[in-house]
């Protein structure tokens, strides 16, 4: 697949479990994150992405567009809540 957004993410995102969530900062003092593919900004601010797909530890975020574009290639499992 020839797509500018693919830059080796299969090493840490292939076959993992994600869940749809409202963005929350990963830790105190952290005010935003970026989509692992396209780089769009996630934050609690208006105009930024406020929801998307995240790893269960909420460290990595994927926007809706990139999720749809890569879900088959990366074979993600989706859960509704952490640990389920």
N, C-alpha and C. Protein backbone atom coordinates (compact mmCIF):
# COMPACT_ATOMS: atom_id res chain seq x y z
N UNK A 1 0.85 -1.18 0.00
CA UNK A 1 0.00 0.00 0.00
C UNK A 1 0.90 1.24 0.00
N UNK A 2 0.69 2.08 -0.97
CA UNK A 2 1.49 3.28 -1.11
C UNK A 2 0.69 4.48 -0.60
N UNK A 3 0.95 4.89 0.63
CA UNK A 3 0.22 5.99 1.26
C UNK A 3 1.20 6.76 2.13
N UNK A 4 1.24 8.07 1.97
CA UNK A 4 2.20 8.90 2.73
C UNK A 4 2.04 8.75 4.24
N UNK A 5 0.86 8.33 4.70
CA UNK A 5 0.62 8.21 6.13
C UNK A 5 1.27 6.97 6.74
N UNK A 6 1.63 6.02 5.93
CA UNK A 6 2.26 4.79 6.43
C UNK A 6 3.76 5.00 6.55
N UNK A 7 4.21 4.97 7.81
CA UNK A 7 5.63 5.24 8.08
C UNK A 7 6.17 4.29 9.14
N UNK A 8 5.84 3.01 9.01
CA UNK A 8 6.35 2.01 9.94
C UNK A 8 5.47 1.72 11.13
N UNK A 9 4.25 2.22 11.15
CA UNK A 9 3.36 2.01 12.29
C UNK A 9 3.01 0.54 12.52
N UNK A 10 3.16 -0.30 11.47
CA UNK A 10 2.83 -1.71 11.64
C UNK A 10 3.68 -2.36 12.73
N UNK A 11 4.84 -1.80 13.01
CA UNK A 11 5.70 -2.35 14.06
C UNK A 11 5.07 -2.28 15.44
N UNK A 12 4.21 -1.30 15.67
CA UNK A 12 3.61 -1.16 17.00
C UNK A 12 2.09 -1.05 17.00
N UNK A 13 1.46 -1.02 15.83
CA UNK A 13 -0.01 -0.91 15.78
C UNK A 13 -0.72 -2.08 15.10
N UNK A 14 0.01 -2.97 14.46
CA UNK A 14 -0.63 -4.08 13.75
C UNK A 14 -1.21 -5.08 14.74
N UNK A 15 -2.51 -5.41 14.55
CA UNK A 15 -3.17 -6.44 15.35
C UNK A 15 -3.48 -6.08 16.79
N UNK A 16 -3.40 -4.83 17.14
CA UNK A 16 -3.65 -4.43 18.54
C UNK A 16 -5.14 -4.19 18.78
N UNK A 17 -5.48 -4.00 20.04
CA UNK A 17 -6.85 -3.69 20.45
C UNK A 17 -6.98 -2.19 20.64
N UNK A 18 -8.06 -1.64 20.07
CA UNK A 18 -8.38 -0.22 20.20
C UNK A 18 -9.77 -0.08 20.78
N UNK A 19 -10.07 1.13 21.22
CA UNK A 19 -11.45 1.45 21.60
C UNK A 19 -11.74 2.88 21.18
N UNK A 20 -13.01 3.15 20.90
CA UNK A 20 -13.44 4.51 20.55
C UNK A 20 -13.59 5.27 21.86
N UNK A 21 -13.06 6.50 21.90
CA UNK A 21 -13.08 7.25 23.15
C UNK A 21 -13.05 8.75 22.89
N UNK A 22 -13.50 9.48 23.89
CA UNK A 22 -13.34 10.93 23.92
C UNK A 22 -11.93 11.22 24.41
N UNK A 23 -11.27 12.16 23.77
CA UNK A 23 -9.88 12.45 24.11
C UNK A 23 -9.73 12.92 25.55
N UNK A 24 -8.72 12.39 26.21
CA UNK A 24 -8.27 12.85 27.53
C UNK A 24 -6.75 12.90 27.48
N UNK A 25 -6.16 13.92 28.08
CA UNK A 25 -4.70 13.97 28.10
C UNK A 25 -4.11 12.73 28.77
N UNK A 26 -3.01 12.26 28.24
CA UNK A 26 -2.35 11.05 28.73
C UNK A 26 -1.85 11.20 30.17
N UNK A 27 -1.37 12.38 30.46
CA UNK A 27 -0.89 12.64 31.83
C UNK A 27 -1.01 14.14 32.11
N UNK A 28 -0.85 14.52 33.36
CA UNK A 28 -0.93 15.92 33.75
C UNK A 28 0.12 16.73 32.99
N UNK A 29 -0.30 17.89 32.50
CA UNK A 29 0.60 18.74 31.75
C UNK A 29 0.62 18.46 30.25
N UNK A 30 -0.03 17.40 29.84
CA UNK A 30 -0.10 16.99 28.43
C UNK A 30 -1.39 17.58 27.88
N UNK A 31 -1.34 18.43 26.85
CA UNK A 31 -2.58 19.08 26.40
C UNK A 31 -3.10 18.61 25.05
N UNK A 32 -2.31 17.79 24.34
CA UNK A 32 -2.80 17.28 23.06
C UNK A 32 -1.99 16.06 22.61
N UNK A 33 -2.52 15.39 21.62
CA UNK A 33 -1.84 14.28 20.95
C UNK A 33 -2.09 14.43 19.46
N UNK A 34 -1.50 13.56 18.67
CA UNK A 34 -1.68 13.59 17.22
C UNK A 34 -2.06 12.20 16.72
N UNK A 35 -2.82 12.15 15.65
CA UNK A 35 -3.14 10.89 15.01
C UNK A 35 -1.84 10.21 14.60
N UNK A 36 -1.75 8.93 14.86
CA UNK A 36 -0.55 8.16 14.54
C UNK A 36 -0.27 8.09 13.05
N UNK A 37 -1.24 8.44 12.23
CA UNK A 37 -1.07 8.34 10.79
C UNK A 37 -0.99 9.71 10.11
N UNK A 38 -2.02 10.51 10.22
CA UNK A 38 -2.07 11.77 9.48
C UNK A 38 -1.57 12.97 10.28
N UNK A 39 -1.44 12.82 11.58
CA UNK A 39 -0.91 13.89 12.41
C UNK A 39 -1.94 14.91 12.88
N UNK A 40 -3.23 14.70 12.55
CA UNK A 40 -4.23 15.67 13.02
C UNK A 40 -4.19 15.72 14.55
N UNK A 41 -4.56 16.87 15.07
CA UNK A 41 -4.42 17.15 16.50
C UNK A 41 -5.65 16.70 17.28
N UNK A 42 -5.43 15.98 18.36
CA UNK A 42 -6.45 15.61 19.34
C UNK A 42 -6.27 16.48 20.57
N UNK A 43 -7.34 17.09 21.05
CA UNK A 43 -7.30 17.82 22.31
C UNK A 43 -8.74 18.02 22.77
N UNK A 44 -8.89 18.71 23.88
CA UNK A 44 -10.22 19.04 24.38
C UNK A 44 -10.69 20.38 23.85
N UNK A 45 -9.87 21.04 23.05
CA UNK A 45 -10.21 22.36 22.50
C UNK A 45 -11.16 22.25 21.31
N UNK A 46 -12.07 23.24 21.16
CA UNK A 46 -12.93 23.26 19.97
C UNK A 46 -12.07 23.38 18.70
N UNK A 47 -12.48 22.69 17.67
CA UNK A 47 -11.76 22.71 16.41
C UNK A 47 -10.75 21.59 16.24
N UNK A 48 -10.32 20.99 17.34
CA UNK A 48 -9.42 19.84 17.27
C UNK A 48 -10.26 18.56 17.31
N UNK A 49 -9.64 17.44 16.99
CA UNK A 49 -10.31 16.15 17.14
C UNK A 49 -10.56 15.92 18.63
N UNK A 50 -11.80 15.62 18.98
CA UNK A 50 -12.13 15.36 20.37
C UNK A 50 -12.46 13.90 20.64
N UNK A 51 -12.64 13.11 19.57
CA UNK A 51 -12.93 11.69 19.69
C UNK A 51 -12.16 10.94 18.62
N UNK A 52 -11.86 9.70 18.92
CA UNK A 52 -11.18 8.86 17.94
C UNK A 52 -10.96 7.48 18.52
N UNK A 53 -10.04 6.77 17.95
CA UNK A 53 -9.69 5.43 18.42
C UNK A 53 -8.37 5.52 19.14
N UNK A 54 -8.30 4.83 20.27
CA UNK A 54 -7.10 4.91 21.10
C UNK A 54 -6.67 3.52 21.55
N UNK A 55 -5.39 3.40 21.85
CA UNK A 55 -4.90 2.17 22.47
C UNK A 55 -5.50 2.12 23.87
N UNK A 56 -5.52 0.95 24.46
CA UNK A 56 -6.17 0.80 25.76
C UNK A 56 -5.52 1.64 26.86
N UNK A 57 -4.25 1.97 26.70
CA UNK A 57 -3.59 2.83 27.68
C UNK A 57 -3.76 4.32 27.37
N UNK A 58 -4.49 4.62 26.28
CA UNK A 58 -4.78 5.98 25.81
C UNK A 58 -3.52 6.78 25.46
N UNK A 59 -2.47 6.06 25.08
CA UNK A 59 -1.22 6.73 24.71
C UNK A 59 -1.18 7.09 23.23
N UNK A 60 -1.77 6.24 22.38
CA UNK A 60 -1.76 6.47 20.94
C UNK A 60 -3.18 6.69 20.45
N UNK A 61 -3.34 7.64 19.51
CA UNK A 61 -4.66 8.01 18.99
C UNK A 61 -4.69 7.90 17.47
N UNK A 62 -5.86 7.51 16.95
CA UNK A 62 -6.08 7.38 15.52
C UNK A 62 -7.39 8.06 15.18
N UNK A 63 -7.38 8.95 14.21
CA UNK A 63 -8.60 9.66 13.83
C UNK A 63 -9.55 8.73 13.07
N UNK A 64 -10.79 9.14 12.95
CA UNK A 64 -11.82 8.33 12.29
C UNK A 64 -11.43 8.02 10.84
N UNK A 65 -10.94 9.00 10.11
CA UNK A 65 -10.57 8.79 8.71
C UNK A 65 -9.47 7.75 8.57
N UNK A 66 -8.42 7.88 9.35
CA UNK A 66 -7.32 6.92 9.28
C UNK A 66 -7.74 5.55 9.78
N UNK A 67 -8.58 5.51 10.80
CA UNK A 67 -9.11 4.22 11.25
C UNK A 67 -9.83 3.51 10.10
N UNK A 68 -10.72 4.22 9.43
CA UNK A 68 -11.47 3.62 8.31
C UNK A 68 -10.52 3.19 7.19
N UNK A 69 -9.52 3.99 6.90
CA UNK A 69 -8.60 3.69 5.81
C UNK A 69 -7.70 2.50 6.10
N UNK A 70 -7.35 2.27 7.36
CA UNK A 70 -6.35 1.25 7.68
C UNK A 70 -6.85 0.09 8.53
N UNK A 71 -8.13 0.05 8.89
CA UNK A 71 -8.61 -0.99 9.80
C UNK A 71 -8.40 -2.40 9.25
N UNK A 72 -8.59 -2.61 7.97
CA UNK A 72 -8.39 -3.94 7.40
C UNK A 72 -6.91 -4.30 7.33
N UNK A 73 -6.09 -3.35 6.93
CA UNK A 73 -4.65 -3.58 6.80
C UNK A 73 -4.02 -3.91 8.16
N UNK A 74 -4.45 -3.22 9.20
CA UNK A 74 -3.86 -3.39 10.52
C UNK A 74 -4.58 -4.41 11.40
N UNK A 75 -5.73 -4.91 10.95
CA UNK A 75 -6.47 -5.98 11.65
C UNK A 75 -6.70 -5.67 13.13
N UNK A 76 -7.21 -4.47 13.40
CA UNK A 76 -7.46 -4.07 14.78
C UNK A 76 -8.68 -4.77 15.35
N UNK A 77 -8.66 -5.00 16.65
CA UNK A 77 -9.81 -5.47 17.41
C UNK A 77 -10.35 -4.26 18.16
N UNK A 78 -11.66 -4.10 18.16
CA UNK A 78 -12.29 -2.97 18.84
C UNK A 78 -13.05 -3.50 20.06
N UNK A 79 -12.84 -2.85 21.20
CA UNK A 79 -13.60 -3.14 22.41
C UNK A 79 -14.32 -1.88 22.86
N UNK A 80 -15.37 -2.06 23.64
CA UNK A 80 -16.13 -0.89 24.08
C UNK A 80 -15.55 -0.26 25.34
N UNK A 81 -14.90 -1.03 26.16
CA UNK A 81 -14.31 -0.52 27.40
C UNK A 81 -12.94 -1.16 27.59
N UNK A 82 -12.04 -0.47 28.28
CA UNK A 82 -10.73 -1.08 28.54
C UNK A 82 -10.89 -2.39 29.28
N UNK A 83 -10.15 -3.40 28.86
CA UNK A 83 -10.17 -4.69 29.54
C UNK A 83 -11.30 -5.61 29.14
N UNK A 84 -12.16 -5.21 28.17
CA UNK A 84 -13.25 -6.08 27.77
C UNK A 84 -12.96 -6.73 26.45
